[in-house]
Amino acid sequence: MAKGKMKANVQRLVEQRDKLLTEIDALKNKVAGLEMAIGLLGNDEDSQGQPLSAVARLNLKATILDLLKEAGTTGLNATSAVEIAARRGITLNRGSVASNLSRMVKDGAVTYDGTRYRLPEFSARPVLVAHAG
């Protein structure tokens, strides 16, 4: 009986951990959105057209990876990533998202099928067919 109770306790702890991890991801997205908003609103005439800072690039990449994880096998394109982020209060630049997605494909972090980007674990895998012979 003690094993059953311990297993139930472990399950509750796992559920609590998963809940906290989800909250952490949500907070990261909110912070990334705030940093982008600060960057956009903080732009003065001298900084117009300047590339994103290293921190903003890392946050953008993390945000894109989070969106791809949530999209699963459906995948995303730059426009849908911007739209989903906007519904969450995160403002993304479509061009920056597209550029990052292309770079992530080159780095092997993301796959692209000509229409949608996906994390490798959500990409279609070729089916091996055994031939009788």
N, C-alpha and C. Protein backbone atom coordinates (compact mmCIF):
# COMPACT_ATOMS: atom_id res chain seq x y z
N MET A 1 0.81 -1.20 0.00
CA MET A 1 0.00 0.00 0.00
C MET A 1 0.85 1.26 0.00
N ALA A 2 1.99 1.22 0.68
CA ALA A 2 2.85 2.39 0.76
C ALA A 2 3.36 2.78 -0.63
N LYS A 3 3.61 1.77 -1.49
CA LYS A 3 4.09 2.06 -2.84
C LYS A 3 3.04 2.81 -3.64
N GLY A 4 1.78 2.44 -3.49
CA GLY A 4 0.69 3.11 -4.20
C GLY A 4 0.57 4.58 -3.79
N LYS A 5 0.69 4.84 -2.49
CA LYS A 5 0.59 6.22 -2.01
C LYS A 5 1.79 7.04 -2.49
N MET A 6 2.97 6.41 -2.46
CA MET A 6 4.17 7.11 -2.91
C MET A 6 4.07 7.43 -4.41
N LYS A 7 3.54 6.50 -5.17
CA LYS A 7 3.38 6.71 -6.61
C LYS A 7 2.41 7.88 -6.87
N ALA A 8 1.34 7.95 -6.09
CA ALA A 8 0.38 9.04 -6.23
C ALA A 8 1.02 10.38 -5.88
N ASN A 9 1.86 10.38 -4.84
CA ASN A 9 2.57 11.61 -4.45
C ASN A 9 3.54 12.05 -5.53
N VAL A 10 4.27 11.09 -6.10
CA VAL A 10 5.21 11.41 -7.18
C VAL A 10 4.44 11.99 -8.37
N GLN A 11 3.30 11.40 -8.69
CA GLN A 11 2.48 11.89 -9.81
C GLN A 11 2.04 13.33 -9.57
N ARG A 12 1.63 13.66 -8.34
CA ARG A 12 1.24 15.04 -8.02
C ARG A 12 2.40 16.00 -8.18
N LEU A 13 3.59 15.56 -7.77
CA LEU A 13 4.78 16.39 -7.91
C LEU A 13 5.12 16.61 -9.39
N VAL A 14 5.00 15.58 -10.18
CA VAL A 14 5.25 15.70 -11.62
C VAL A 14 4.26 16.67 -12.24
N GLU A 15 3.00 16.57 -11.87
CA GLU A 15 1.98 17.49 -12.39
C GLU A 15 2.27 18.93 -11.99
N GLN A 16 2.68 19.13 -10.75
CA GLN A 16 3.01 20.48 -10.27
C GLN A 16 4.21 21.03 -11.04
N ARG A 17 5.23 20.17 -11.24
CA ARG A 17 6.41 20.59 -12.00
C ARG A 17 6.02 21.01 -13.42
N ASP A 18 5.19 20.19 -14.08
CA ASP A 18 4.76 20.50 -15.44
C ASP A 18 3.99 21.81 -15.50
N LYS A 19 3.17 22.05 -14.50
CA LYS A 19 2.41 23.30 -14.43
C LYS A 19 3.36 24.50 -14.30
N LEU A 20 4.36 24.36 -13.44
CA LEU A 20 5.33 25.44 -13.26
C LEU A 20 6.15 25.68 -14.52
N LEU A 21 6.53 24.62 -15.22
CA LEU A 21 7.27 24.78 -16.47
C LEU A 21 6.44 25.53 -17.51
N THR A 22 5.16 25.24 -17.56
CA THR A 22 4.27 25.95 -18.48
C THR A 22 4.20 27.43 -18.11
N GLU A 23 4.12 27.71 -16.81
CA GLU A 23 4.08 29.10 -16.36
C GLU A 23 5.39 29.82 -16.68
N ILE A 24 6.52 29.11 -16.55
CA ILE A 24 7.82 29.71 -16.88
C ILE A 24 7.84 30.10 -18.36
N ASP A 25 7.39 29.20 -19.23
CA ASP A 25 7.35 29.50 -20.67
C ASP A 25 6.49 30.72 -20.95
N ALA A 26 5.34 30.79 -20.29
CA ALA A 26 4.44 31.93 -20.49
C ALA A 26 5.12 33.22 -20.05
N LEU A 27 5.81 33.17 -18.91
CA LEU A 27 6.52 34.36 -18.42
C LEU A 27 7.65 34.77 -19.36
N LYS A 28 8.38 33.80 -19.91
CA LYS A 28 9.45 34.11 -20.87
C LYS A 28 8.87 34.84 -22.08
N ASN A 29 7.72 34.36 -22.55
CA ASN A 29 7.08 35.00 -23.70
C ASN A 29 6.66 36.43 -23.36
N LYS A 30 6.14 36.62 -22.16
CA LYS A 30 5.72 37.97 -21.75
C LYS A 30 6.92 38.90 -21.66
N VAL A 31 8.02 38.41 -21.08
CA VAL A 31 9.23 39.22 -20.97
C VAL A 31 9.76 39.56 -22.36
N ALA A 32 9.78 38.59 -23.26
CA ALA A 32 10.25 38.84 -24.62
C ALA A 32 9.39 39.91 -25.28
N GLY A 33 8.09 39.82 -25.10
CA GLY A 33 7.18 40.82 -25.66
C GLY A 33 7.44 42.21 -25.09
N LEU A 34 7.63 42.27 -23.78
CA LEU A 34 7.91 43.55 -23.14
C LEU A 34 9.23 44.14 -23.64
N GLU A 35 10.25 43.29 -23.76
CA GLU A 35 11.54 43.79 -24.23
C GLU A 35 11.45 44.30 -25.66
N MET A 36 10.69 43.61 -26.48
CA MET A 36 10.51 44.10 -27.85
C MET A 36 9.76 45.41 -27.87
N ALA A 37 8.72 45.51 -27.05
CA ALA A 37 7.95 46.76 -26.98
C ALA A 37 8.83 47.89 -26.48
N ILE A 38 9.64 47.62 -25.47
CA ILE A 38 10.56 48.64 -24.96
C ILE A 38 11.52 49.07 -26.06
N GLY A 39 12.02 48.09 -26.79
CA GLY A 39 12.94 48.40 -27.89
C GLY A 39 12.28 49.24 -28.96
N LEU A 40 11.04 48.89 -29.31
CA LEU A 40 10.33 49.65 -30.34
C LEU A 40 10.00 51.05 -29.86
N LEU A 41 9.50 51.15 -28.64
CA LEU A 41 9.12 52.47 -28.11
C LEU A 41 10.34 53.30 -27.74
N GLY A 42 11.42 52.63 -27.39
CA GLY A 42 12.63 53.34 -26.99
C GLY A 42 13.48 53.79 -28.15
N ASN A 43 13.11 53.37 -29.37
CA ASN A 43 13.88 53.78 -30.54
C ASN A 43 13.80 55.27 -30.72
N ASP A 44 14.95 55.90 -30.85
CA ASP A 44 14.96 57.31 -31.21
C ASP A 44 15.53 57.41 -32.62
N GLU A 45 15.67 58.62 -33.11
CA GLU A 45 16.13 58.80 -34.49
C GLU A 45 17.49 58.19 -34.73
N ASP A 46 18.35 58.19 -33.70
CA ASP A 46 19.70 57.65 -33.86
C ASP A 46 19.71 56.14 -34.02
N SER A 47 18.75 55.44 -33.41
CA SER A 47 18.80 53.98 -33.43
C SER A 47 17.87 53.37 -34.47
N GLN A 48 17.16 54.17 -35.24
CA GLN A 48 16.26 53.63 -36.26
C GLN A 48 17.06 52.82 -37.26
N GLY A 49 16.55 51.66 -37.61
CA GLY A 49 17.20 50.82 -38.60
C GLY A 49 18.38 50.01 -38.07
N GLN A 50 18.68 50.13 -36.80
CA GLN A 50 19.78 49.36 -36.23
C GLN A 50 19.32 47.92 -36.03
N PRO A 51 20.24 46.96 -36.14
CA PRO A 51 19.86 45.56 -35.93
C PRO A 51 19.45 45.31 -34.48
N LEU A 52 18.72 44.22 -34.28
CA LEU A 52 18.30 43.83 -32.93
C LEU A 52 19.52 43.55 -32.06
N SER A 53 19.41 43.86 -30.79
CA SER A 53 20.50 43.55 -29.86
C SER A 53 20.59 42.04 -29.70
N ALA A 54 21.70 41.57 -29.16
CA ALA A 54 21.90 40.13 -28.94
C ALA A 54 20.81 39.57 -28.03
N VAL A 55 20.43 40.33 -26.99
CA VAL A 55 19.39 39.87 -26.07
C VAL A 55 18.05 39.76 -26.79
N ALA A 56 17.72 40.75 -27.60
CA ALA A 56 16.46 40.71 -28.34
C ALA A 56 16.45 39.53 -29.31
N ARG A 57 17.59 39.24 -29.96
CA ARG A 57 17.65 38.11 -30.89
C ARG A 57 17.43 36.80 -30.15
N LEU A 58 18.06 36.65 -28.96
CA LEU A 58 17.88 35.43 -28.18
C LEU A 58 16.43 35.27 -27.73
N ASN A 59 15.82 36.37 -27.29
CA ASN A 59 14.43 36.31 -26.86
C ASN A 59 13.51 36.00 -28.04
N LEU A 60 13.80 36.57 -29.20
CA LEU A 60 12.98 36.29 -30.39
C LEU A 60 13.09 34.82 -30.75
N LYS A 61 14.31 34.28 -30.73
CA LYS A 61 14.49 32.87 -31.06
C LYS A 61 13.75 31.99 -30.05
N ALA A 62 13.85 32.32 -28.77
CA ALA A 62 13.16 31.53 -27.73
C ALA A 62 11.65 31.60 -27.94
N THR A 63 11.15 32.78 -28.28
CA THR A 63 9.71 32.94 -28.52
C THR A 63 9.28 32.10 -29.72
N ILE A 64 10.06 32.15 -30.80
CA ILE A 64 9.74 31.36 -32.00
C ILE A 64 9.76 29.87 -31.67
N LEU A 65 10.76 29.43 -30.92
CA LEU A 65 10.83 28.01 -30.54
C LEU A 65 9.62 27.61 -29.69
N ASP A 66 9.20 28.48 -28.78
CA ASP A 66 8.01 28.20 -27.97
C ASP A 66 6.77 28.08 -28.86
N LEU A 67 6.63 28.98 -29.82
CA LEU A 67 5.48 28.94 -30.72
C LEU A 67 5.51 27.67 -31.57
N LEU A 68 6.69 27.28 -32.04
CA LEU A 68 6.82 26.05 -32.83
C LEU A 68 6.47 24.82 -32.00
N LYS A 69 6.89 24.83 -30.73
CA LYS A 69 6.59 23.71 -29.84
C LYS A 69 5.08 23.57 -29.68
N GLU A 70 4.41 24.70 -29.47
CA GLU A 70 2.96 24.68 -29.29
C GLU A 70 2.24 24.32 -30.58
N ALA A 71 2.80 24.70 -31.73
CA ALA A 71 2.16 24.41 -33.02
C ALA A 71 2.23 22.92 -33.34
N GLY A 72 3.23 22.24 -32.80
CA GLY A 72 3.35 20.80 -33.00
C GLY A 72 3.44 20.43 -34.47
N THR A 73 2.68 19.40 -34.87
CA THR A 73 2.75 18.90 -36.24
C THR A 73 2.12 19.86 -37.25
N THR A 74 1.30 20.80 -36.78
CA THR A 74 0.69 21.78 -37.68
C THR A 74 1.75 22.70 -38.26
N GLY A 75 2.72 23.08 -37.45
CA GLY A 75 3.78 23.96 -37.90
C GLY A 75 3.32 25.41 -38.00
N LEU A 76 4.24 26.27 -38.43
CA LEU A 76 3.99 27.71 -38.54
C LEU A 76 4.66 28.26 -39.78
N ASN A 77 4.23 29.43 -40.18
CA ASN A 77 5.02 30.25 -41.08
C ASN A 77 5.21 31.58 -40.37
N ALA A 78 5.95 32.49 -40.95
CA ALA A 78 6.25 33.75 -40.26
C ALA A 78 4.98 34.52 -39.93
N THR A 79 4.04 34.56 -40.87
CA THR A 79 2.80 35.31 -40.65
C THR A 79 1.98 34.72 -39.51
N SER A 80 1.84 33.40 -39.49
CA SER A 80 1.05 32.78 -38.42
C SER A 80 1.74 32.94 -37.07
N ALA A 81 3.08 32.92 -37.04
CA ALA A 81 3.81 33.12 -35.79
C ALA A 81 3.52 34.52 -35.24
N VAL A 82 3.54 35.53 -36.13
CA VAL A 82 3.27 36.91 -35.71
C VAL A 82 1.84 37.03 -35.18
N GLU A 83 0.88 36.39 -35.86
CA GLU A 83 -0.52 36.46 -35.45
C GLU A 83 -0.75 35.78 -34.10
N ILE A 84 -0.17 34.62 -33.90
CA ILE A 84 -0.34 33.90 -32.62
C ILE A 84 0.29 34.71 -31.49
N ALA A 85 1.48 35.23 -31.73
CA ALA A 85 2.15 36.04 -30.71
C ALA A 85 1.32 37.27 -30.38
N ALA A 86 0.73 37.91 -31.39
CA ALA A 86 -0.08 39.12 -31.17
C ALA A 86 -1.27 38.81 -30.26
N ARG A 87 -1.87 37.64 -30.43
CA ARG A 87 -3.00 37.26 -29.57
C ARG A 87 -2.56 37.10 -28.12
N ARG A 88 -1.27 36.92 -27.91
CA ARG A 88 -0.73 36.78 -26.55
C ARG A 88 -0.12 38.07 -26.05
N GLY A 89 -0.27 39.11 -26.81
CA GLY A 89 0.26 40.41 -26.39
C GLY A 89 1.73 40.60 -26.70
N ILE A 90 2.28 39.76 -27.58
CA ILE A 90 3.69 39.87 -27.97
C ILE A 90 3.74 40.41 -29.39
N THR A 91 4.46 41.50 -29.58
CA THR A 91 4.59 42.09 -30.90
C THR A 91 5.87 41.59 -31.54
N LEU A 92 5.73 40.91 -32.67
CA LEU A 92 6.88 40.41 -33.41
C LEU A 92 6.91 41.07 -34.78
N ASN A 93 8.10 41.29 -35.29
CA ASN A 93 8.28 41.82 -36.64
C ASN A 93 8.33 40.64 -37.60
N ARG A 94 7.45 40.63 -38.60
CA ARG A 94 7.35 39.50 -39.52
C ARG A 94 8.69 39.22 -40.21
N GLY A 95 9.37 40.26 -40.64
CA GLY A 95 10.66 40.09 -41.30
C GLY A 95 11.70 39.45 -40.40
N SER A 96 11.72 39.86 -39.15
CA SER A 96 12.67 39.28 -38.19
C SER A 96 12.34 37.82 -37.93
N VAL A 97 11.04 37.51 -37.85
CA VAL A 97 10.62 36.11 -37.63
C VAL A 97 11.03 35.27 -38.83
N ALA A 98 10.76 35.76 -40.04
CA ALA A 98 11.11 35.02 -41.26
C ALA A 98 12.61 34.78 -41.33
N SER A 99 13.39 35.81 -41.04
CA SER A 99 14.84 35.70 -41.07
C SER A 99 15.33 34.67 -40.05
N ASN A 100 14.78 34.73 -38.85
CA ASN A 100 15.16 33.77 -37.80
C ASN A 100 14.78 32.35 -38.18
N LEU A 101 13.59 32.17 -38.74
CA LEU A 101 13.17 30.82 -39.14
C LEU A 101 14.12 30.25 -40.20
N SER A 102 14.50 31.08 -41.18
CA SER A 102 15.43 30.62 -42.22
C SER A 102 16.77 30.23 -41.60
N ARG A 103 17.26 31.06 -40.69
CA ARG A 103 18.53 30.77 -40.02
C ARG A 103 18.43 29.48 -39.22
N MET A 104 17.29 29.27 -38.56
CA MET A 104 17.10 28.08 -37.74
C MET A 104 17.05 26.82 -38.60
N VAL A 105 16.54 26.94 -39.84
CA VAL A 105 16.56 25.80 -40.76
C VAL A 105 18.01 25.47 -41.12
N LYS A 106 18.79 26.50 -41.44
CA LYS A 106 20.20 26.30 -41.79
C LYS A 106 20.97 25.66 -40.63
N ASP A 107 20.61 26.03 -39.40
CA ASP A 107 21.27 25.48 -38.21
C ASP A 107 20.78 24.08 -37.86
N GLY A 108 19.72 23.61 -38.54
CA GLY A 108 19.17 22.29 -38.26
C GLY A 108 18.23 22.24 -37.07
N ALA A 109 17.88 23.41 -36.51
CA ALA A 109 17.00 23.45 -35.35
C ALA A 109 15.54 23.32 -35.74
N VAL A 110 15.23 23.61 -37.01
CA VAL A 110 13.86 23.64 -37.51
C VAL A 110 13.85 23.03 -38.91
N THR A 111 12.74 22.41 -39.29
CA THR A 111 12.59 21.90 -40.65
C THR A 111 11.59 22.77 -41.41
N TYR A 112 11.69 22.75 -42.73
CA TYR A 112 10.79 23.53 -43.58
C TYR A 112 10.37 22.66 -44.75
N ASP A 113 9.05 22.55 -44.98
CA ASP A 113 8.55 21.70 -46.05
C ASP A 113 8.12 22.50 -47.29
N GLY A 114 8.49 23.76 -47.35
CA GLY A 114 8.08 24.61 -48.46
C GLY A 114 6.90 25.50 -48.11
N THR A 115 6.21 25.16 -47.03
CA THR A 115 5.05 25.94 -46.59
C THR A 115 5.13 26.30 -45.12
N ARG A 116 5.51 25.31 -44.30
CA ARG A 116 5.49 25.50 -42.85
C ARG A 116 6.79 25.03 -42.21
N TYR A 117 7.10 25.71 -41.11
CA TYR A 117 8.27 25.37 -40.31
C TYR A 117 7.80 24.53 -39.13
N ARG A 118 8.61 23.53 -38.76
CA ARG A 118 8.29 22.67 -37.62
C ARG A 118 9.58 22.32 -36.89
N LEU A 119 9.42 22.00 -35.61
CA LEU A 119 10.54 21.43 -34.88
C LEU A 119 10.76 20.03 -35.45
N PRO A 120 12.01 19.56 -35.47
CA PRO A 120 12.28 18.23 -36.06
C PRO A 120 11.42 17.11 -35.48
N GLU A 121 11.12 17.18 -34.19
CA GLU A 121 10.32 16.09 -33.60
C GLU A 121 8.88 16.08 -34.09
N PHE A 122 8.45 17.16 -34.74
CA PHE A 122 7.08 17.22 -35.27
C PHE A 122 7.04 17.11 -36.80
N SER A 123 8.19 16.91 -37.41
CA SER A 123 8.25 16.81 -38.87
C SER A 123 7.89 15.40 -39.31
N ALA A 124 7.33 15.32 -40.51
CA ALA A 124 6.98 14.01 -41.05
C ALA A 124 8.25 13.22 -41.29
N ARG A 125 8.22 11.99 -40.87
CA ARG A 125 9.37 11.12 -41.08
C ARG A 125 9.07 10.20 -42.26
N PRO A 126 10.08 9.91 -43.06
CA PRO A 126 9.81 9.00 -44.17
C PRO A 126 9.42 7.62 -43.66
N VAL A 127 8.49 7.01 -44.34
CA VAL A 127 8.02 5.68 -43.96
C VAL A 127 8.85 4.65 -44.71
N LEU A 128 9.42 3.73 -43.98
CA LEU A 128 10.21 2.67 -44.60
C LEU A 128 9.26 1.55 -45.02
N VAL A 129 9.39 1.15 -46.25
CA VAL A 129 8.54 0.09 -46.77
C VAL A 129 9.43 -1.10 -47.10
N ALA A 130 9.07 -2.26 -46.55
CA ALA A 130 9.83 -3.48 -46.82
C ALA A 130 9.33 -4.08 -48.13
N HIS A 131 10.25 -4.39 -48.99
CA HIS A 131 9.89 -5.03 -50.26
C HIS A 131 10.19 -6.52 -50.20
N ALA A 132 9.23 -7.31 -50.64
CA ALA A 132 9.45 -8.75 -50.67
C ALA A 132 10.33 -9.06 -51.86
N GLY A 133 11.29 -9.88 -51.67
CA GLY A 133 12.15 -10.10 -52.82
C GLY A 133 12.88 -11.33 -52.82
